[in-house]
Amino acid sequence: MDIATENAATIAIVLVALGILGWGYYRARDFGKLGILAWLQSAVLMLPWLLFFGLFSAGIYLNLVGILLLVLASAGLYIYLGKQLRAAGQDEVLRERAAKRLQSDQNPVGANSENPTSPGVEDQLKSIAPEFVRIPEEDLKKIQGIFGIDTFFATETISYQEGAIFKGNLRGDPDEAYHRLAETLQERLCDRYRLFLVPNPDEKPVAIVLPSTSDPKPSTRGQKILAVVLFVATILTSLETAGLFLGFDFFTNPQRLGEVLPLTLGIWAVLLSHEIAHRIIAQKNNVRLSWPFFIPTWQIGSFGAINRFETLLPNRTVLFDVAFAGPAAGGLVSLGMLILGLLLSHEGSLFQIPAEFFQGSVLVGSLAKVVLGPALNQPLVPVHPMMVIGWLGLVITALNLLPAGQLDGGRIVQAVYGRTIAGRATIATAIVLAIAAFFNPLALYWAIVILFLQRGLERPSLNEIKEPDDARAALALLALFLTIATLLPLSTSLAGRLGIGG
C-alpha cells in the first residue's frame, strides 16, 4: 500500500508539472505564433530539470556531464527560439501599428464612448473617494490637457482620494504612451503629481493621477535601529546554527568561536550575495531600497531579509528584475557550494549526516545520489561542510521564492501575472504552509512571518499595463519549479528504491 501511495505521489508531481506547461499553452495559444514561441521557450527552459527528475524517479541517474549537456542543449534551443520570437514580434508590431493607424484615420474618436470599467467598479470608487475632485481646478485642467488622441484619449474624470481617475482609451504602445504622458505632466506641474497607468478589473487601461505626497517614504530612524538590531540577532542565530551542526551549543561554549566561524561565514555569503544583487539591480534602475530587515531563526540561521521599496517602480519589468536578482544570486552561490561540497566529500569529511536527511529535498537528494552514489546507502554519510552550507542556502532562497505577498516570489508572480493572480497565489501559499506546519515547524514560523509582515501585495508600478517579456516569464516558471524541488521531500519508499537512506 505504501509503494502504491508513493507511486501515486510521483505521478501527481509529474501531472502538476505537465499541468503547468498545459496551462501555459492554453494561455499562449490565443496569441498565435508569438504565444506558441514564448510557450516553447518556457518549456525548453524547464525540460532539462523535468527530464532529470523524471529519469531519476525511474531509477536512471545522469552524471554531472550529462546534466551539463542537457542544460547547454536547452540554452542553445532557448536562444534559437528567442531569435525566432523577436523576428516574429517585429513583424507583428508593424502589422499592429499599421492597423491602428488605419483605424485612427477612419474613425479618430469613434471609440471614445467605450466605458473601460463596469458600473460596479465605479460604485466602489465612489464609496472610497469624496464626491468632489480634491485637485485644485487649475491643476486639474493642466492634467486633463496632457491626454490626447495619440496617447490616452480621456473620456471621463472621477475623483479618487486626493487625485483623479481618467477613463478612456489607450492609443499605441503602452511604454511610449506612458513616457509621453509622464513627460508632459512633469513639464506642466513639475514634481507635484504622479501618473499611474493601470488595468481596471476588465483589463482595460485607466490613468490615475495622485499627488507626489503619496510616494513611499524613506526609512525612519526607528526602522533603521530595528534593522541593526535584527542584523546583530541574525549573526547570533547564525553562530548558534553553526554550533548545532557541529554538535554543541555556541552560547554555552563561546570559546569555540573559531569552529563555528567558517560555517557562519558561509551562511552570510548566501545572505549577502542575495541582498547585494537586489541592490545592484535596484540602483541600475534608479530604485531605492530600504535597509534590509534580516529575520533570525534558530533552525537555519536566518529566513533571509525583508526590504521595501522607497521609490515608485517605473514598470513591472523592473519589479521582476529587482525581485529575481536576489534569489538568482543567492541560489547560484548556494547551488555552487552544494555541488562543490558533494565533490569534496570523502570518508574523512567533517560531518556525518544520517542518510535519511537526504530524503528531505528532491533536488538535494537527487544531486547527492548523482555525486555520492552508493555512499547514500550507509547509515551515516560523510560530507564536506560546504555541502551543508549550500543546502541551507537553497532552503533560504526557496523560502523567499514562495509566491506570497511581498516575498521575492510574490513580487515575481505579481510582475509576470498581475495583481489578481498574485493575490490568489498568496492565499494558496498560506494554505499550503498551514498544512505543512503539521509536519514541519519551520513552515509554521515562516507562515507567521508572511501573515504579519509580508502578506500584502506590492503597490502598483507607474506603468502597470506593460507586462515583462517572455524570457522573464520563463525564468519565473523555472524559479518556481526549483523552489518546489528544493522544499519537496522524497518519499521513504521512493528514496529506498533509489538507494537513498538504505
Protein backbone atom coordinates (compact mmCIF):
# COMPACT_ATOMS: atom_id res chain seq x y z
CA MET A 1 0.00 0.00 0.00
CA ASP A 2 2.87 2.32 0.86
CA ILE A 3 4.50 1.73 -2.52
CA ALA A 4 1.23 2.35 -4.31
CA THR A 5 0.78 5.57 -2.38
CA GLU A 6 4.27 6.78 -3.27
CA ASN A 7 3.78 5.86 -6.90
CA ALA A 8 0.62 7.94 -6.87
CA ALA A 9 2.57 10.84 -5.33
CA THR A 10 5.22 10.59 -8.05
CA ILE A 11 2.54 10.54 -10.75
CA ALA A 12 0.86 13.53 -9.10
CA ILE A 13 4.10 15.52 -9.21
CA VAL A 14 4.53 14.73 -12.90
CA LEU A 15 0.93 15.71 -13.57
CA VAL A 16 1.41 19.02 -11.76
CA ALA A 17 4.46 19.81 -13.92
CA LEU A 18 2.58 18.86 -17.08
CA GLY A 19 -0.39 20.87 -15.85
CA ILE A 20 1.78 23.99 -15.51
CA LEU A 21 3.02 23.54 -19.06
CA GLY A 22 -0.50 22.82 -20.29
CA TRP A 23 -1.85 25.94 -18.60
CA GLY A 24 0.93 27.94 -20.24
CA TYR A 25 -0.01 26.54 -23.63
CA TYR A 26 -3.69 27.36 -23.03
CA ARG A 27 -2.78 30.98 -22.27
CA ALA A 28 -0.33 31.19 -25.16
CA ARG A 29 -2.48 29.85 -28.00
CA ASP A 30 -4.70 32.94 -28.02
CA PHE A 31 -1.65 35.00 -29.06
CA GLY A 32 -0.96 32.93 -32.14
CA LYS A 33 2.57 32.29 -33.31
CA LEU A 34 4.09 34.70 -30.79
CA GLY A 35 2.36 32.97 -27.89
CA ILE A 36 3.37 29.49 -29.02
CA LEU A 37 7.01 30.50 -29.44
CA ALA A 38 7.00 32.08 -25.99
CA TRP A 39 5.47 28.92 -24.51
CA LEU A 40 8.10 26.78 -26.21
CA GLN A 41 10.79 28.93 -24.59
CA SER A 42 9.29 28.23 -21.17
CA ALA A 43 9.03 24.51 -21.90
CA VAL A 44 12.61 24.31 -23.19
CA LEU A 45 13.90 26.07 -20.07
CA MET A 46 12.17 23.54 -17.80
CA LEU A 47 12.88 20.48 -19.96
CA PRO A 48 16.33 19.55 -18.54
CA TRP A 49 15.00 19.53 -14.98
CA LEU A 50 11.84 17.65 -15.87
CA LEU A 51 13.86 15.06 -17.77
CA PHE A 52 16.42 14.80 -14.98
CA PHE A 53 13.84 14.26 -12.23
CA GLY A 54 11.73 12.00 -14.43
CA LEU A 55 14.69 9.70 -15.17
CA PHE A 56 15.74 9.93 -11.55
CA SER A 57 12.32 8.73 -10.39
CA ALA A 58 12.63 5.81 -12.82
CA GLY A 59 15.98 4.84 -11.31
CA ILE A 60 18.10 6.18 -14.18
CA TYR A 61 20.84 8.51 -12.96
CA LEU A 62 22.63 11.09 -15.08
CA ASN A 63 26.13 12.15 -14.12
CA LEU A 64 27.20 15.79 -13.93
CA VAL A 65 28.43 15.71 -17.54
CA GLY A 66 25.03 14.52 -18.73
CA ILE A 67 23.27 17.20 -16.71
CA LEU A 68 25.59 19.85 -18.14
CA LEU A 69 24.92 18.68 -21.70
CA LEU A 70 21.17 18.86 -21.07
CA VAL A 71 21.46 22.41 -19.74
CA LEU A 72 23.68 23.52 -22.65
CA ALA A 73 21.32 21.96 -25.22
CA SER A 74 18.38 23.66 -23.53
CA ALA A 75 20.19 27.02 -23.52
CA GLY A 76 21.03 26.71 -27.21
CA LEU A 77 17.46 25.88 -28.16
CA TYR A 78 16.19 28.69 -25.89
CA ILE A 79 18.42 31.22 -27.69
CA TYR A 80 17.28 29.96 -31.09
CA LEU A 81 13.61 30.25 -30.12
CA GLY A 82 14.32 33.72 -28.75
CA LYS A 83 15.62 34.85 -32.13
CA GLN A 84 12.55 33.42 -33.84
CA LEU A 85 10.32 35.15 -31.31
CA ARG A 86 11.97 38.53 -31.81
CA ALA A 87 11.70 38.22 -35.59
CA ALA A 88 8.03 37.27 -35.39
CA GLY A 89 7.42 40.03 -32.84
CA GLN A 90 8.82 42.72 -35.11
CA ASP A 91 6.51 41.64 -37.93
CA GLU A 92 3.53 41.61 -35.56
CA VAL A 93 4.30 45.09 -34.21
CA LEU A 94 4.49 46.52 -37.73
CA ARG A 95 1.17 44.97 -38.68
CA GLU A 96 -0.48 46.15 -35.45
CA ARG A 97 0.75 49.72 -35.86
CA ALA A 98 -0.45 49.82 -39.45
CA ALA A 99 -3.91 48.56 -38.43
CA LYS A 100 -4.19 51.09 -35.60
CA ARG A 101 -3.11 53.95 -37.83
CA LEU A 102 -5.71 52.96 -40.43
CA GLN A 103 -8.44 52.69 -37.79
CA SER A 104 -7.44 56.05 -36.29
CA ASP A 105 -7.59 57.73 -39.69
CA GLN A 106 -11.02 56.31 -40.42
CA ASN A 107 -12.62 56.95 -37.00
CA PRO A 108 -10.41 59.04 -34.71
CA VAL A 109 -12.92 59.42 -31.91
CA GLY A 110 -15.28 56.54 -32.57
CA ALA A 111 -14.17 54.52 -29.55
CA ASN A 112 -14.42 57.36 -27.05
CA SER A 113 -17.77 56.28 -25.77
CA GLU A 114 -16.43 52.91 -24.66
CA ASN A 115 -16.56 52.51 -20.88
CA PRO A 116 -13.42 50.74 -19.61
CA THR A 117 -14.86 49.95 -16.22
CA SER A 118 -18.02 48.29 -15.06
CA PRO A 119 -20.69 50.10 -13.03
CA GLY A 120 -19.69 48.01 -10.02
CA VAL A 121 -16.16 49.40 -10.19
CA GLU A 122 -17.49 52.95 -10.37
CA ASP A 123 -19.61 52.32 -7.27
CA GLN A 124 -16.57 51.04 -5.39
CA LEU A 125 -14.54 54.08 -6.39
CA LYS A 126 -17.29 56.44 -5.27
CA SER A 127 -17.59 54.63 -1.94
CA ILE A 128 -13.93 55.19 -1.07
CA ALA A 129 -13.50 58.66 -2.57
CA PRO A 130 -15.23 62.02 -1.97
CA GLU A 131 -17.77 63.34 -4.43
CA PHE A 132 -15.57 66.25 -5.46
CA VAL A 133 -12.15 66.45 -7.06
CA ARG A 134 -9.60 67.50 -4.45
CA ILE A 135 -7.05 68.51 -7.05
CA PRO A 136 -7.16 72.30 -7.48
CA GLU A 137 -9.17 73.27 -10.52
CA GLU A 138 -6.20 74.92 -12.19
CA ASP A 139 -4.06 71.81 -11.72
CA LEU A 140 -6.87 69.55 -12.91
CA LYS A 141 -7.20 71.46 -16.17
CA LYS A 142 -3.46 71.17 -16.77
CA ILE A 143 -3.61 67.43 -16.08
CA GLN A 144 -6.56 66.93 -18.40
CA GLY A 145 -4.58 68.73 -21.08
CA ILE A 146 -1.83 66.09 -21.15
CA PHE A 147 -4.16 63.49 -22.66
CA GLY A 148 -4.60 63.26 -26.39
CA ILE A 149 -5.85 61.08 -29.18
CA ASP A 150 -2.37 59.74 -29.91
CA THR A 151 -1.59 58.65 -26.31
CA PHE A 152 -4.56 58.22 -23.98
CA PHE A 153 -7.91 59.67 -25.02
CA ALA A 154 -9.65 60.52 -21.72
CA THR A 155 -13.44 60.39 -21.76
CA GLU A 156 -14.35 60.80 -18.07
CA THR A 157 -12.81 62.05 -14.83
CA ILE A 158 -13.63 60.51 -11.43
CA SER A 159 -12.33 61.79 -8.09
CA TYR A 160 -10.15 59.32 -6.22
CA GLN A 161 -8.65 60.10 -2.81
CA GLU A 162 -6.54 63.21 -3.35
CA GLY A 163 -6.20 62.61 -7.07
CA ALA A 164 -8.30 61.63 -10.04
CA ILE A 165 -9.03 58.66 -12.29
CA PHE A 166 -9.25 59.22 -16.03
CA LYS A 167 -11.18 56.65 -18.02
CA GLY A 168 -10.64 56.41 -21.72
CA ASN A 169 -8.74 54.57 -24.42
CA LEU A 170 -5.03 53.88 -24.67
CA ARG A 171 -3.53 54.52 -28.09
CA GLY A 172 -0.29 52.96 -29.29
CA ASP A 173 2.42 51.22 -27.33
CA PRO A 174 1.92 51.45 -23.52
CA ASP A 175 5.58 52.31 -22.86
CA GLU A 176 5.67 55.08 -25.43
CA ALA A 177 2.29 56.48 -24.40
CA TYR A 178 3.19 56.49 -20.71
CA HIS A 179 6.53 58.14 -21.34
CA ARG A 180 4.93 60.97 -23.30
CA LEU A 181 2.16 61.48 -20.73
CA ALA A 182 4.52 61.47 -17.75
CA GLU A 183 6.94 63.81 -19.50
CA THR A 184 4.16 66.29 -20.29
CA LEU A 185 2.84 66.10 -16.72
CA GLN A 186 6.34 66.82 -15.43
CA GLU A 187 6.69 69.83 -17.73
CA ARG A 188 3.35 71.34 -16.69
CA LEU A 189 3.28 70.61 -12.94
CA CYS A 190 6.91 69.79 -12.10
CA ASP A 191 7.17 67.05 -9.49
CA ARG A 192 3.84 67.62 -7.75
CA TYR A 193 1.91 64.69 -9.23
CA ARG A 194 2.48 61.09 -10.28
CA LEU A 195 0.82 59.39 -13.23
CA PHE A 196 -0.12 55.71 -12.98
CA LEU A 197 -1.27 53.66 -15.96
CA VAL A 198 -3.03 50.59 -14.58
CA PRO A 199 -5.56 47.99 -15.77
CA ASN A 200 -9.06 48.01 -14.32
CA PRO A 201 -10.83 44.71 -13.43
CA ASP A 202 -11.75 44.33 -17.11
CA GLU A 203 -8.05 44.56 -18.04
CA LYS A 204 -8.60 47.90 -19.82
CA PRO A 205 -6.18 50.79 -19.18
CA VAL A 206 -7.05 53.52 -16.70
CA ALA A 207 -4.92 56.59 -15.91
CA ILE A 208 -4.64 57.64 -12.26
CA VAL A 209 -3.01 60.86 -11.09
CA LEU A 210 -2.03 61.21 -7.42
CA PRO A 211 -0.02 63.87 -5.60
CA SER A 212 3.65 63.09 -5.02
CA THR A 213 2.97 63.27 -1.26
CA SER A 214 1.64 59.71 -1.59
CA ASP A 215 5.08 58.42 -2.67
CA PRO A 216 6.77 55.79 -0.47
CA LYS A 217 8.55 57.34 2.48
CA PRO A 218 12.21 56.73 3.40
CA SER A 219 13.01 54.63 6.45
CA THR A 220 12.69 56.35 9.80
CA ARG A 221 15.42 56.35 12.43
CA GLY A 222 13.45 53.79 14.44
CA GLN A 223 13.23 51.46 11.45
CA LYS A 224 16.97 51.73 10.86
CA ILE A 225 17.66 50.93 14.51
CA LEU A 226 15.39 47.89 14.19
CA ALA A 227 17.31 46.81 11.08
CA VAL A 228 20.60 46.98 13.02
CA VAL A 229 19.14 45.01 15.96
CA LEU A 230 17.85 42.29 13.62
CA PHE A 231 21.22 42.21 11.85
CA VAL A 232 23.01 41.55 15.15
CA ALA A 233 20.39 38.98 16.18
CA THR A 234 20.84 37.15 12.87
CA ILE A 235 24.59 36.99 13.39
CA LEU A 236 23.96 35.34 16.77
CA THR A 237 21.45 32.84 15.38
CA SER A 238 23.86 32.03 12.54
CA LEU A 239 26.57 31.26 15.10
CA GLU A 240 24.15 29.11 17.09
CA THR A 241 23.03 27.24 13.95
CA ALA A 242 26.65 26.50 13.06
CA GLY A 243 27.27 25.27 16.60
CA LEU A 244 24.26 22.94 16.48
CA PHE A 245 25.54 21.43 13.25
CA LEU A 246 28.86 20.80 14.97
CA GLY A 247 27.12 19.21 17.95
CA PHE A 248 27.34 21.86 20.66
CA ASP A 249 25.62 24.99 21.94
CA PHE A 250 27.66 28.04 20.96
CA PHE A 251 26.22 30.29 23.67
CA THR A 252 27.44 27.93 26.39
CA ASN A 253 30.79 27.47 24.59
CA PRO A 254 31.68 30.89 23.16
CA GLN A 255 35.37 30.00 23.29
CA ARG A 256 34.76 27.70 20.30
CA LEU A 257 34.10 30.68 18.02
CA GLY A 258 36.84 29.57 15.64
CA GLU A 259 35.00 26.31 14.96
CA VAL A 260 31.67 27.89 14.08
CA LEU A 261 33.04 30.87 12.18
CA PRO A 262 33.58 29.13 8.80
CA LEU A 263 30.00 27.82 8.70
CA THR A 264 28.65 31.19 9.81
CA LEU A 265 30.59 32.98 7.09
CA GLY A 266 29.18 30.52 4.55
CA ILE A 267 25.62 31.31 5.62
CA TRP A 268 26.33 35.03 5.37
CA ALA A 269 27.89 34.59 1.94
CA VAL A 270 24.47 33.43 0.74
CA LEU A 271 22.57 36.16 2.60
CA LEU A 272 24.84 38.98 1.45
CA SER A 273 25.03 37.83 -2.18
CA HIS A 274 21.23 37.84 -2.19
CA GLU A 275 20.97 41.37 -0.79
CA ILE A 276 23.82 42.81 -2.87
CA ALA A 277 22.22 41.52 -6.08
CA HIS A 278 18.92 43.18 -5.12
CA ARG A 279 20.66 46.50 -4.62
CA ILE A 280 22.81 46.38 -7.73
CA ILE A 281 19.77 45.88 -9.96
CA ALA A 282 17.73 48.42 -7.98
CA GLN A 283 20.45 51.05 -8.33
CA LYS A 284 20.74 50.29 -12.04
CA ASN A 285 17.04 51.12 -12.41
CA ASN A 286 17.14 54.19 -10.11
CA VAL A 287 15.09 52.40 -7.45
CA ARG A 288 15.84 52.95 -3.77
CA LEU A 289 15.51 50.07 -1.28
CA SER A 290 15.18 50.29 2.48
CA TRP A 291 17.76 48.83 4.82
CA PRO A 292 17.38 45.03 4.93
CA PHE A 293 15.48 43.62 7.91
CA PHE A 294 17.08 40.21 8.45
CA ILE A 295 14.84 37.59 10.08
CA PRO A 296 16.73 35.43 12.60
CA THR A 297 15.79 31.80 13.24
CA TRP A 298 17.46 29.03 15.20
CA GLN A 299 16.79 26.27 12.65
CA ILE A 300 18.69 27.63 9.62
CA GLY A 301 20.29 30.82 10.92
CA SER A 302 18.04 33.20 9.01
CA PHE A 303 14.97 33.27 6.82
CA GLY A 304 16.64 35.94 4.71
CA ALA A 305 15.77 39.62 4.78
CA ILE A 306 12.72 41.81 4.25
CA ASN A 307 13.16 45.04 2.34
CA ARG A 308 10.74 47.54 0.92
CA PHE A 309 10.82 49.94 -2.00
CA GLU A 310 11.35 53.56 -1.02
CA THR A 311 10.60 54.84 -4.51
CA LEU A 312 7.87 54.12 -7.02
CA LEU A 313 8.71 51.46 -9.59
CA PRO A 314 8.57 52.53 -13.25
CA ASN A 315 7.07 49.26 -14.52
CA ARG A 316 6.56 45.57 -13.82
CA THR A 317 9.76 44.60 -15.61
CA VAL A 318 11.81 46.50 -13.04
CA LEU A 319 9.81 44.84 -10.26
CA PHE A 320 10.70 41.44 -11.71
CA ASP A 321 14.38 42.27 -12.22
CA VAL A 322 14.90 43.55 -8.67
CA ALA A 323 12.92 40.69 -7.10
CA PHE A 324 14.56 37.98 -9.21
CA ALA A 325 18.16 39.21 -8.84
CA GLY A 326 18.45 38.33 -5.15
CA PRO A 327 17.25 34.71 -5.31
CA ALA A 328 19.20 34.17 -8.53
CA ALA A 329 22.47 35.28 -6.92
CA GLY A 330 21.83 33.54 -3.60
CA GLY A 331 20.59 30.40 -5.33
CA LEU A 332 23.60 30.16 -7.65
CA VAL A 333 26.02 30.67 -4.75
CA SER A 334 24.17 28.02 -2.73
CA LEU A 335 23.98 25.54 -5.60
CA GLY A 336 27.69 26.04 -6.30
CA MET A 337 28.53 25.40 -2.64
CA LEU A 338 26.29 22.31 -2.59
CA ILE A 339 27.85 20.72 -5.67
CA LEU A 340 31.40 21.61 -4.63
CA GLY A 341 30.73 20.27 -1.15
CA LEU A 342 29.44 17.00 -2.59
CA LEU A 343 32.51 16.69 -4.84
CA LEU A 344 34.82 17.33 -1.87
CA SER A 345 33.06 14.82 0.39
CA HIS A 346 35.04 11.72 1.34
CA GLU A 347 35.28 9.17 4.14
CA GLY A 348 37.18 11.56 6.39
CA SER A 349 34.85 14.54 5.92
CA LEU A 350 33.94 16.61 8.97
CA PHE A 351 30.18 15.98 9.01
CA GLN A 352 28.48 12.62 9.40
CA ILE A 353 24.88 13.12 8.25
CA PRO A 354 22.21 10.40 8.59
CA ALA A 355 21.35 9.19 5.11
CA GLU A 356 17.66 9.84 5.78
CA PHE A 357 18.39 13.57 5.78
CA PHE A 358 18.89 13.44 2.01
CA GLN A 359 15.24 12.46 1.67
CA GLY A 360 14.29 15.97 2.81
CA SER A 361 14.72 17.54 -0.65
CA VAL A 362 14.11 16.19 -4.15
CA LEU A 363 16.78 18.50 -5.57
CA VAL A 364 19.45 17.87 -2.94
CA GLY A 365 18.73 14.15 -2.70
CA SER A 366 18.92 13.65 -6.46
CA LEU A 367 22.16 15.64 -6.82
CA ALA A 368 23.66 13.77 -3.85
CA LYS A 369 22.74 10.45 -5.48
CA VAL A 370 24.44 11.51 -8.71
CA VAL A 371 27.68 12.52 -6.97
CA LEU A 372 27.90 10.25 -3.91
CA GLY A 373 26.20 7.18 -5.36
CA PRO A 374 26.39 4.08 -3.10
CA ALA A 375 27.60 6.16 -0.15
CA LEU A 376 23.98 7.14 0.48
CA ASN A 377 23.22 3.52 1.47
CA GLN A 378 25.30 3.92 4.63
CA PRO A 379 23.56 4.90 7.89
CA LEU A 380 25.87 7.92 8.18
CA VAL A 381 27.13 9.77 5.11
CA PRO A 382 30.37 11.78 5.44
CA VAL A 383 30.02 15.17 3.73
CA HIS A 384 32.06 18.32 3.42
CA PRO A 385 30.77 21.32 5.46
CA MET A 386 30.31 23.33 2.26
CA MET A 387 27.62 20.90 1.20
CA VAL A 388 25.63 21.68 4.35
CA ILE A 389 26.01 25.44 3.81
CA GLY A 390 24.83 25.09 0.22
CA TRP A 391 21.80 23.13 1.36
CA LEU A 392 20.91 25.77 3.96
CA GLY A 393 21.33 28.48 1.32
CA LEU A 394 18.99 26.69 -1.08
CA VAL A 395 16.33 26.39 1.64
CA ILE A 396 16.64 30.11 2.50
CA THR A 397 16.39 31.00 -1.20
CA ALA A 398 13.41 28.70 -1.78
CA LEU A 399 11.52 30.13 1.20
CA ASN A 400 11.95 33.63 -0.23
CA LEU A 401 10.75 32.43 -3.64
CA LEU A 402 7.41 31.21 -2.32
CA PRO A 403 4.72 33.09 -4.31
CA ALA A 404 3.25 35.09 -1.46
CA GLY A 405 2.79 38.79 -0.74
CA GLN A 406 5.93 40.89 -0.83
CA LEU A 407 8.35 37.96 -0.76
CA ASP A 408 10.62 37.80 -3.77
CA GLY A 409 8.44 35.03 -5.18
CA GLY A 410 5.28 37.06 -4.62
CA ARG A 411 6.80 40.07 -6.35
CA ILE A 412 7.88 37.88 -9.27
CA VAL A 413 4.37 36.47 -9.70
CA GLN A 414 2.86 39.95 -9.44
CA ALA A 415 5.29 41.26 -12.05
CA VAL A 416 4.63 38.48 -14.56
CA TYR A 417 0.96 37.61 -14.00
CA GLY A 418 -0.53 40.70 -12.37
CA ARG A 419 -2.08 41.54 -9.03
CA THR A 420 -5.11 39.24 -9.29
CA ILE A 421 -3.07 36.09 -9.82
CA ALA A 422 -0.56 37.23 -7.17
CA GLY A 423 -3.37 37.62 -4.63
CA ARG A 424 -4.65 34.13 -5.33
CA ALA A 425 -1.13 32.70 -5.17
CA THR A 426 -0.65 34.30 -1.75
CA ILE A 427 -3.79 32.62 -0.41
CA ALA A 428 -2.76 29.27 -1.91
CA THR A 429 0.73 29.54 -0.41
CA ALA A 430 -0.70 30.34 3.02
CA ILE A 431 -2.93 27.25 2.84
CA VAL A 432 -0.02 25.01 1.79
CA LEU A 433 2.17 26.36 4.61
CA ALA A 434 -0.64 25.82 7.12
CA ILE A 435 -0.88 22.16 6.05
CA ALA A 436 2.92 21.74 6.05
CA ALA A 437 3.08 23.21 9.57
CA PHE A 438 1.60 19.96 10.91
CA PHE A 439 4.74 18.14 9.77
CA ASN A 440 7.46 20.81 9.93
CA PRO A 441 7.61 23.65 12.49
CA LEU A 442 9.76 25.68 10.08
CA ALA A 443 6.71 26.08 7.82
CA LEU A 444 4.70 27.39 10.78
CA TYR A 445 7.28 30.06 11.63
CA TRP A 446 7.53 31.20 8.03
CA ALA A 447 3.74 31.27 7.65
CA ILE A 448 3.53 33.56 10.69
CA VAL A 449 6.18 35.89 9.22
CA ILE A 450 4.25 36.09 5.94
CA LEU A 451 0.92 36.60 7.70
CA PHE A 452 2.06 39.52 9.84
CA LEU A 453 4.78 41.14 7.73
CA GLN A 454 4.59 40.19 4.06
CA ARG A 455 1.02 39.23 3.14
CA GLY A 456 0.19 42.46 1.27
CA LEU A 457 0.97 42.83 -2.41
CA GLU A 458 3.45 45.37 -3.70
CA ARG A 459 1.92 48.70 -4.70
CA PRO A 460 1.29 49.14 -8.44
CA SER A 461 4.13 50.43 -10.59
CA LEU A 462 3.77 53.64 -12.58
CA ASN A 463 3.19 51.72 -15.81
CA GLU A 464 1.30 48.62 -14.74
CA ILE A 465 -0.01 47.86 -18.24
CA LYS A 466 3.15 46.59 -19.95
CA GLU A 467 3.99 43.01 -18.91
CA PRO A 468 7.55 41.64 -18.64
CA ASP A 469 8.81 39.81 -21.71
CA ASP A 470 8.50 36.08 -22.24
CA ALA A 471 12.09 35.37 -21.21
CA ARG A 472 11.32 36.69 -17.73
CA ALA A 473 8.10 34.68 -17.63
CA ALA A 474 10.13 31.55 -18.41
CA LEU A 475 12.62 32.38 -15.66
CA ALA A 476 9.72 32.81 -13.23
CA LEU A 477 8.45 29.30 -14.04
CA LEU A 478 11.94 27.87 -13.65
CA ALA A 479 12.37 29.58 -10.26
CA LEU A 480 9.03 28.18 -9.07
CA PHE A 481 9.93 24.71 -10.28
CA LEU A 482 13.30 24.70 -8.49
CA THR A 483 11.65 26.07 -5.35
CA ILE A 484 9.28 23.11 -5.28
CA ALA A 485 12.14 20.70 -6.00
CA THR A 486 14.12 22.16 -3.08
CA LEU A 487 11.35 22.11 -0.48
CA LEU A 488 9.52 18.94 -1.56
CA PRO A 489 10.81 15.83 0.28
CA LEU A 490 11.41 12.43 -1.26
CA SER A 491 9.05 9.75 -0.01
CA THR A 492 10.55 6.98 2.12
CA SER A 493 9.72 4.13 -0.23
CA LEU A 494 10.82 6.00 -3.35
CA ALA A 495 14.05 7.02 -1.67
CA GLY A 496 14.59 3.41 -0.67
CA ARG A 497 14.14 2.20 -4.23
CA LEU A 498 16.61 4.85 -5.37
CA GLY A 499 19.16 3.83 -2.76
CA ILE A 500 18.89 6.95 -0.60
CA GLY A 501 18.79 6.07 3.07
CA GLY A 502 19.02 2.35 2.67
